[in-house]
Amino acid sequence: MTTRSMHDISKPKNPFSLSVSIDDPSISPLPRNPKQSLSDPYWKSAIQFEFNALIRNNTWELVPRPCDVNVIRSMWIFRHTNGLFERYKARLVGDGRSQIAGVNCDETFSPVVKPATIRTVLSIALSRSWPIHQLDV
């Protein structure tokens, strides 16, 4: 039996990498903290865009803080969309490190629907000849 290595035949190893580096110096790098992001006009604009969307959608209501309540902090997540540069993206999210088990994390809610669930619902509706409507909540 002969192998490729016996005849000095080799295939170059090119490991598959999911990380993408952005080498364009005109693109601002991901900020390490909110203070650094506010000093960059591109990231500041992304933060303002996200904040305006939260206000426009009435995401929260400002209320006085009760003294016996654990307040969940928030933090900013920064990224370039899709790993490649399309735009600057900033998201305000709840910081789970400040949650206390059984006090403010006994319920979870995820607005994401898995593709398998959509396929199942559509196949049931099709098999029973149900009308299908779209609803955004």
C-alpha atoms as a PDB file:
ATOM      1  CA  MET A   1       0.000   0.000   0.000  1.00  0.00           C
ATOM      2  CA  THR A   2       1.289   3.450  -0.834  1.00  0.00           C
ATOM      3  CA  THR A   3       0.242   6.643   0.837  1.00  0.00           C
ATOM      4  CA  ARG A   4       0.552  10.268  -0.139  1.00  0.00           C
ATOM      5  CA  SER A   5       3.151  10.889   2.539  1.00  0.00           C
ATOM      6  CA  MET A   6       5.392   8.143   1.105  1.00  0.00           C
ATOM      7  CA  HIS A   7       5.548  10.056  -2.175  1.00  0.00           C
ATOM      8  CA  ASP A   8       5.875  13.435  -0.466  1.00  0.00           C
ATOM      9  CA  ILE A   9       2.434  14.542  -1.569  1.00  0.00           C
ATOM     10  CA  SER A  10       0.753  16.856   0.873  1.00  0.00           C
ATOM     11  CA  LYS A  11      -2.272  19.026   0.909  1.00  0.00           C
ATOM     12  CA  PRO A  12      -1.840  22.454   2.523  1.00  0.00           C
ATOM     13  CA  LYS A  13      -3.763  22.849   5.763  1.00  0.00           C
ATOM     14  CA  ASN A  14      -6.070  25.821   5.687  1.00  0.00           C
ATOM     15  CA  PRO A  15      -8.096  25.664   8.893  1.00  0.00           C
ATOM     16  CA  PHE A  16     -11.568  27.114   8.629  1.00  0.00           C
ATOM     17  CA  SER A  17     -11.942  30.224  10.733  1.00  0.00           C
ATOM     18  CA  LEU A  18     -15.200  31.971  11.612  1.00  0.00           C
ATOM     19  CA  SER A  19     -13.462  35.087  12.848  1.00  0.00           C
ATOM     20  CA  VAL A  20     -13.177  37.986  10.462  1.00  0.00           C
ATOM     21  CA  SER A  21     -10.612  40.703  10.865  1.00  0.00           C
ATOM     22  CA  ILE A  22     -11.335  44.133   9.564  1.00  0.00           C
ATOM     23  CA  ASP A  23      -8.129  45.609   8.245  1.00  0.00           C
ATOM     24  CA  ASP A  24      -9.578  48.860   6.955  1.00  0.00           C
ATOM     25  CA  PRO A  25      -8.083  51.630   9.132  1.00  0.00           C
ATOM     26  CA  SER A  26     -11.070  53.901   8.434  1.00  0.00           C
ATOM     27  CA  ILE A  27     -13.383  51.529  10.351  1.00  0.00           C
ATOM     28  CA  SER A  28     -13.478  52.169  14.081  1.00  0.00           C
ATOM     29  CA  PRO A  29     -12.587  49.101  16.181  1.00  0.00           C
ATOM     30  CA  LEU A  30     -15.034  47.662  18.707  1.00  0.00           C
ATOM     31  CA  PRO A  31     -14.994  49.811  21.857  1.00  0.00           C
ATOM     32  CA  ARG A  32     -14.027  48.164  25.144  1.00  0.00           C
ATOM     33  CA  ASN A  33     -16.385  50.283  27.265  1.00  0.00           C
ATOM     34  CA  PRO A  34     -19.189  52.852  26.846  1.00  0.00           C
ATOM     35  CA  LYS A  35     -16.875  55.775  27.666  1.00  0.00           C
ATOM     36  CA  GLN A  36     -14.590  54.817  24.775  1.00  0.00           C
ATOM     37  CA  SER A  37     -17.594  54.434  22.452  1.00  0.00           C
ATOM     38  CA  LEU A  38     -18.876  57.932  23.242  1.00  0.00           C
ATOM     39  CA  SER A  39     -15.582  59.442  22.092  1.00  0.00           C
ATOM     40  CA  ASP A  40     -16.021  57.907  18.609  1.00  0.00           C
ATOM     41  CA  PRO A  41     -18.670  59.666  16.460  1.00  0.00           C
ATOM     42  CA  TYR A  42     -19.611  56.455  14.615  1.00  0.00           C
ATOM     43  CA  TRP A  43     -20.253  54.466  17.784  1.00  0.00           C
ATOM     44  CA  LYS A  44     -21.961  57.446  19.429  1.00  0.00           C
ATOM     45  CA  SER A  45     -24.322  57.590  16.460  1.00  0.00           C
ATOM     46  CA  ALA A  46     -25.059  53.840  16.803  1.00  0.00           C
ATOM     47  CA  ILE A  47     -25.847  54.296  20.508  1.00  0.00           C
ATOM     48  CA  GLN A  48     -28.137  57.248  19.727  1.00  0.00           C
ATOM     49  CA  PHE A  49     -29.918  55.218  17.021  1.00  0.00           C
ATOM     50  CA  GLU A  50     -30.542  52.316  19.443  1.00  0.00           C
ATOM     51  CA  PHE A  51     -31.654  54.648  22.254  1.00  0.00           C
ATOM     52  CA  ASN A  52     -34.090  56.483  19.951  1.00  0.00           C
ATOM     53  CA  ALA A  53     -35.563  53.131  18.808  1.00  0.00           C
ATOM     54  CA  LEU A  54     -36.076  52.067  22.443  1.00  0.00           C
ATOM     55  CA  ILE A  55     -37.814  55.362  23.262  1.00  0.00           C
ATOM     56  CA  ARG A  56     -39.921  55.285  20.063  1.00  0.00           C
ATOM     57  CA  ASN A  57     -41.126  51.724  20.848  1.00  0.00           C
ATOM     58  CA  ASN A  58     -41.982  52.563  24.476  1.00  0.00           C
ATOM     59  CA  THR A  59     -39.660  49.780  25.631  1.00  0.00           C
ATOM     60  CA  TRP A  60     -39.684  50.873  29.247  1.00  0.00           C
ATOM     61  CA  GLU A  61     -41.471  53.148  31.659  1.00  0.00           C
ATOM     62  CA  LEU A  62     -39.518  55.192  34.179  1.00  0.00           C
ATOM     63  CA  VAL A  63     -40.778  54.550  37.713  1.00  0.00           C
ATOM     64  CA  PRO A  64     -39.437  55.360  41.190  1.00  0.00           C
ATOM     65  CA  ARG A  65     -37.151  52.663  42.590  1.00  0.00           C
ATOM     66  CA  PRO A  66     -38.720  50.705  45.450  1.00  0.00           C
ATOM     67  CA  CYS A  67     -36.284  50.197  48.325  1.00  0.00           C
ATOM     68  CA  ASP A  68     -36.749  46.409  48.529  1.00  0.00           C
ATOM     69  CA  VAL A  69     -36.155  45.621  44.825  1.00  0.00           C
ATOM     70  CA  ASN A  70     -32.996  44.332  43.163  1.00  0.00           C
ATOM     71  CA  VAL A  71     -32.320  46.498  40.126  1.00  0.00           C
ATOM     72  CA  ILE A  72     -30.956  44.691  37.080  1.00  0.00           C
ATOM     73  CA  ARG A  73     -28.203  46.752  35.492  1.00  0.00           C
ATOM     74  CA  SER A  74     -27.845  47.219  31.777  1.00  0.00           C
ATOM     75  CA  MET A  75     -24.827  47.218  29.503  1.00  0.00           C
ATOM     76  CA  TRP A  76     -23.981  48.096  25.928  1.00  0.00           C
ATOM     77  CA  ILE A  77     -22.953  45.452  23.393  1.00  0.00           C
ATOM     78  CA  PHE A  78     -21.028  46.710  20.366  1.00  0.00           C
ATOM     79  CA  ARG A  79     -20.360  44.920  17.085  1.00  0.00           C
ATOM     80  CA  HIS A  80     -20.055  45.266  13.360  1.00  0.00           C
ATOM     81  CA  THR A  81     -23.028  43.547  11.707  1.00  0.00           C
ATOM     82  CA  ASN A  82     -22.577  40.049  10.233  1.00  0.00           C
ATOM     83  CA  GLY A  83     -18.883  39.875  11.172  1.00  0.00           C
ATOM     84  CA  LEU A  84     -18.152  41.933   8.071  1.00  0.00           C
ATOM     85  CA  PHE A  85     -18.471  45.657   8.164  1.00  0.00           C
ATOM     86  CA  GLU A  86     -21.896  46.859   7.086  1.00  0.00           C
ATOM     87  CA  ARG A  87     -22.664  49.280   9.890  1.00  0.00           C
ATOM     88  CA  TYR A  88     -21.949  50.017  13.523  1.00  0.00           C
ATOM     89  CA  LYS A  89     -24.393  48.208  15.809  1.00  0.00           C
ATOM     90  CA  ALA A  90     -24.999  48.978  19.503  1.00  0.00           C
ATOM     91  CA  ARG A  91     -27.492  47.108  21.687  1.00  0.00           C
ATOM     92  CA  LEU A  92     -28.600  47.870  25.246  1.00  0.00           C
ATOM     93  CA  VAL A  93     -29.131  44.596  27.130  1.00  0.00           C
ATOM     94  CA  GLY A  94     -29.827  43.493  30.695  1.00  0.00           C
ATOM     95  CA  ASP A  95     -26.737  42.396  32.619  1.00  0.00           C
ATOM     96  CA  GLY A  96     -27.538  38.940  33.983  1.00  0.00           C
ATOM     97  CA  ARG A  97     -24.738  39.110  36.565  1.00  0.00           C
ATOM     98  CA  SER A  98     -26.883  41.352  38.754  1.00  0.00           C
ATOM     99  CA  GLN A  99     -29.821  38.916  38.855  1.00  0.00           C
ATOM    100  CA  ILE A 100     -30.628  36.852  41.936  1.00  0.00           C
ATOM    101  CA  ALA A 101     -31.970  33.314  41.391  1.00  0.00           C
ATOM    102  CA  GLY A 102     -35.584  32.983  42.498  1.00  0.00           C
ATOM    103  CA  VAL A 103     -36.014  36.735  42.924  1.00  0.00           C
ATOM    104  CA  ASN A 104     -35.879  38.226  39.445  1.00  0.00           C
ATOM    105  CA  CYS A 105     -34.989  35.342  37.154  1.00  0.00           C
ATOM    106  CA  ASP A 106     -37.741  32.787  37.791  1.00  0.00           C
ATOM    107  CA  GLU A 107     -39.332  33.518  34.415  1.00  0.00           C
ATOM    108  CA  THR A 108     -37.735  33.716  31.000  1.00  0.00           C
ATOM    109  CA  PHE A 109     -39.102  35.063  27.760  1.00  0.00           C
ATOM    110  CA  SER A 110     -37.585  34.659  24.352  1.00  0.00           C
ATOM    111  CA  PRO A 111     -39.237  36.325  21.354  1.00  0.00           C
ATOM    112  CA  VAL A 112     -37.253  34.110  18.957  1.00  0.00           C
ATOM    113  CA  VAL A 113     -39.005  31.287  17.125  1.00  0.00           C
ATOM    114  CA  LYS A 114     -36.953  28.339  15.928  1.00  0.00           C
ATOM    115  CA  PRO A 115     -37.218  27.455  12.224  1.00  0.00           C
ATOM    116  CA  ALA A 116     -38.311  23.896  13.135  1.00  0.00           C
ATOM    117  CA  THR A 117     -41.303  25.344  15.019  1.00  0.00           C
ATOM    118  CA  ILE A 118     -42.317  27.447  12.028  1.00  0.00           C
ATOM    119  CA  ARG A 119     -42.079  24.424   9.715  1.00  0.00           C
ATOM    120  CA  THR A 120     -44.189  22.335  12.107  1.00  0.00           C
ATOM    121  CA  VAL A 121     -46.906  24.969  12.424  1.00  0.00           C
ATOM    122  CA  LEU A 122     -46.997  25.531   8.658  1.00  0.00           C
ATOM    123  CA  SER A 123     -47.211  21.798   7.924  1.00  0.00           C
ATOM    124  CA  ILE A 124     -50.091  21.378  10.408  1.00  0.00           C
ATOM    125  CA  ALA A 125     -51.914  24.364   8.908  1.00  0.00           C
ATOM    126  CA  LEU A 126     -51.391  23.010   5.402  1.00  0.00           C
ATOM    127  CA  SER A 127     -52.566  19.494   6.283  1.00  0.00           C
ATOM    128  CA  ARG A 128     -55.749  20.864   7.890  1.00  0.00           C
ATOM    129  CA  SER A 129     -56.356  23.554   5.239  1.00  0.00           C
ATOM    130  CA  TRP A 130     -56.210  26.345   7.794  1.00  0.00           C
ATOM    131  CA  PRO A 131     -55.782  29.918   6.564  1.00  0.00           C
ATOM    132  CA  ILE A 132     -52.401  31.424   7.438  1.00  0.00           C
ATOM    133  CA  HIS A 133     -52.002  35.020   8.604  1.00  0.00           C
ATOM    134  CA  GLN A 134     -48.952  36.952   9.729  1.00  0.00           C
ATOM    135  CA  LEU A 135     -48.916  38.853  13.019  1.00  0.00           C
ATOM    136  CA  ASP A 136     -46.086  40.939  14.407  1.00  0.00           C
ATOM    137  CA  VAL A 137     -46.185  41.305  18.175  1.00  0.00           C
END
